[in-house]
């Protein structure tokens, strides 16, 4: 988990409509899926979750100096679905 807790408003927000997150791991892994969690509409103080990501892509890098990563998948977070959604690696 990137965040230590899941309280509404305590998030890692991006300014604007796009953002990037790079996670450096201590060892090489071969992921099989990615999980994304956002509060549900029912828990949102405004009743909507327009801040939830919609379209997102995941890339894998062999090292931090690699300029282009390998595309592992392109996904769509369903704002009407479950708060916790898992997406399999497509490649």
Protein backbone atom coordinates (compact mmCIF):
# COMPACT_ATOMS: atom_id res chain seq x y z
CA UNK A 1 0.00 0.00 0.00
CA UNK A 2 1.32 3.43 -0.92
CA UNK A 3 -0.79 5.08 1.79
CA UNK A 4 -0.78 4.11 5.48
CA UNK A 5 -4.56 4.49 5.91
CA UNK A 6 -7.75 4.79 3.88
CA UNK A 7 -9.57 7.74 5.45
CA UNK A 8 -11.45 9.99 2.97
CA UNK A 9 -9.39 13.05 2.12
CA UNK A 10 -6.12 11.49 3.26
CA UNK A 11 -4.80 10.65 -0.16
CA UNK A 12 -1.95 11.05 -2.57
CA UNK A 13 -3.55 13.61 -4.86
CA UNK A 14 -2.28 14.64 -8.28
CA UNK A 15 -2.73 18.17 -9.60
CA UNK A 16 -4.59 18.29 -12.89
CA UNK A 17 -5.98 15.45 -14.96
CA UNK A 18 -2.78 13.39 -15.27
CA UNK A 19 -0.16 12.09 -12.89
CA UNK A 20 2.69 9.65 -12.62
CA UNK A 21 3.81 7.41 -9.80
CA UNK A 22 7.07 5.48 -9.81
CA UNK A 23 7.66 2.78 -7.20
CA UNK A 24 11.19 1.48 -6.77
CA UNK A 25 11.36 -2.04 -5.38
CA UNK A 26 14.29 -3.66 -3.60
CA UNK A 27 14.30 -6.66 -5.93
CA UNK A 28 13.05 -7.65 -9.37
CA UNK A 29 9.49 -9.00 -9.46
CA UNK A 30 7.15 -10.40 -12.08
CA UNK A 31 3.71 -9.00 -11.21
CA UNK A 32 0.55 -10.88 -12.15
CA UNK A 33 -1.98 -8.18 -11.19
CA UNK A 34 -2.38 -4.65 -9.83
CA UNK A 35 -4.93 -3.52 -7.27
CA UNK A 36 -6.32 -0.01 -7.01
CA UNK A 37 -8.55 1.20 -4.19
CA UNK A 38 -10.58 4.41 -3.90
CA UNK A 39 -13.35 5.31 -1.47
CA UNK A 40 -16.84 4.43 -2.64
CA UNK A 41 -19.47 7.00 -3.60
CA UNK A 42 -21.36 6.09 -0.42
CA UNK A 43 -18.40 7.09 1.78
CA UNK A 44 -17.58 10.24 -0.17
CA UNK A 45 -18.64 13.44 1.64
CA UNK A 46 -19.90 14.85 -1.69
CA UNK A 47 -21.55 11.64 -2.92
CA UNK A 48 -19.28 11.41 -5.94
CA UNK A 49 -15.76 10.20 -6.61
CA UNK A 50 -14.68 12.37 -9.52
CA UNK A 51 -11.15 12.31 -8.07
CA UNK A 52 -10.91 8.55 -8.69
CA UNK A 53 -8.61 7.52 -11.53
CA UNK A 54 -10.32 6.41 -14.71
CA UNK A 55 -7.90 5.32 -17.40
CA UNK A 56 -4.47 4.23 -16.25
CA UNK A 57 -1.50 2.32 -17.61
CA UNK A 58 1.17 0.34 -15.80
CA UNK A 59 4.72 0.00 -17.08
CA UNK A 60 7.59 -2.10 -15.81
CA UNK A 61 11.19 -0.89 -15.74
CA UNK A 62 14.33 -2.98 -15.37
CA UNK A 63 16.10 -0.10 -13.60
CA UNK A 64 15.59 3.56 -12.75
CA UNK A 65 17.70 4.71 -15.71
CA UNK A 66 15.51 3.03 -18.33
CA UNK A 67 13.76 5.70 -20.40
CA UNK A 68 10.84 3.62 -21.66
CA UNK A 69 9.23 0.84 -19.71
CA UNK A 70 7.41 -2.24 -20.92
CA UNK A 71 3.64 -1.77 -21.02
CA UNK A 72 2.07 -4.28 -18.63
CA UNK A 73 -1.51 -3.17 -19.18
CA UNK A 74 -4.00 -0.39 -19.79
CA UNK A 75 -7.00 -0.32 -17.48
CA UNK A 76 -10.19 1.54 -16.58
CA UNK A 77 -11.25 1.97 -12.95
CA UNK A 78 -15.04 1.48 -12.67
CA UNK A 79 -16.33 4.28 -10.42
CA UNK A 80 -19.62 2.38 -10.00
CA UNK A 81 -17.81 -0.85 -9.11
CA UNK A 82 -16.26 -2.06 -5.88
CA UNK A 83 -13.84 0.32 -4.14
CA UNK A 84 -11.04 -2.28 -4.39
CA UNK A 85 -10.47 -3.42 -7.98
CA UNK A 86 -7.83 -5.84 -9.27
CA UNK A 87 -6.49 -5.77 -12.82
CA UNK A 88 -4.46 -8.65 -14.31
CA UNK A 89 -1.22 -8.04 -16.17
CA UNK A 90 -2.13 -8.06 -19.86
CA UNK A 91 1.32 -8.86 -21.27
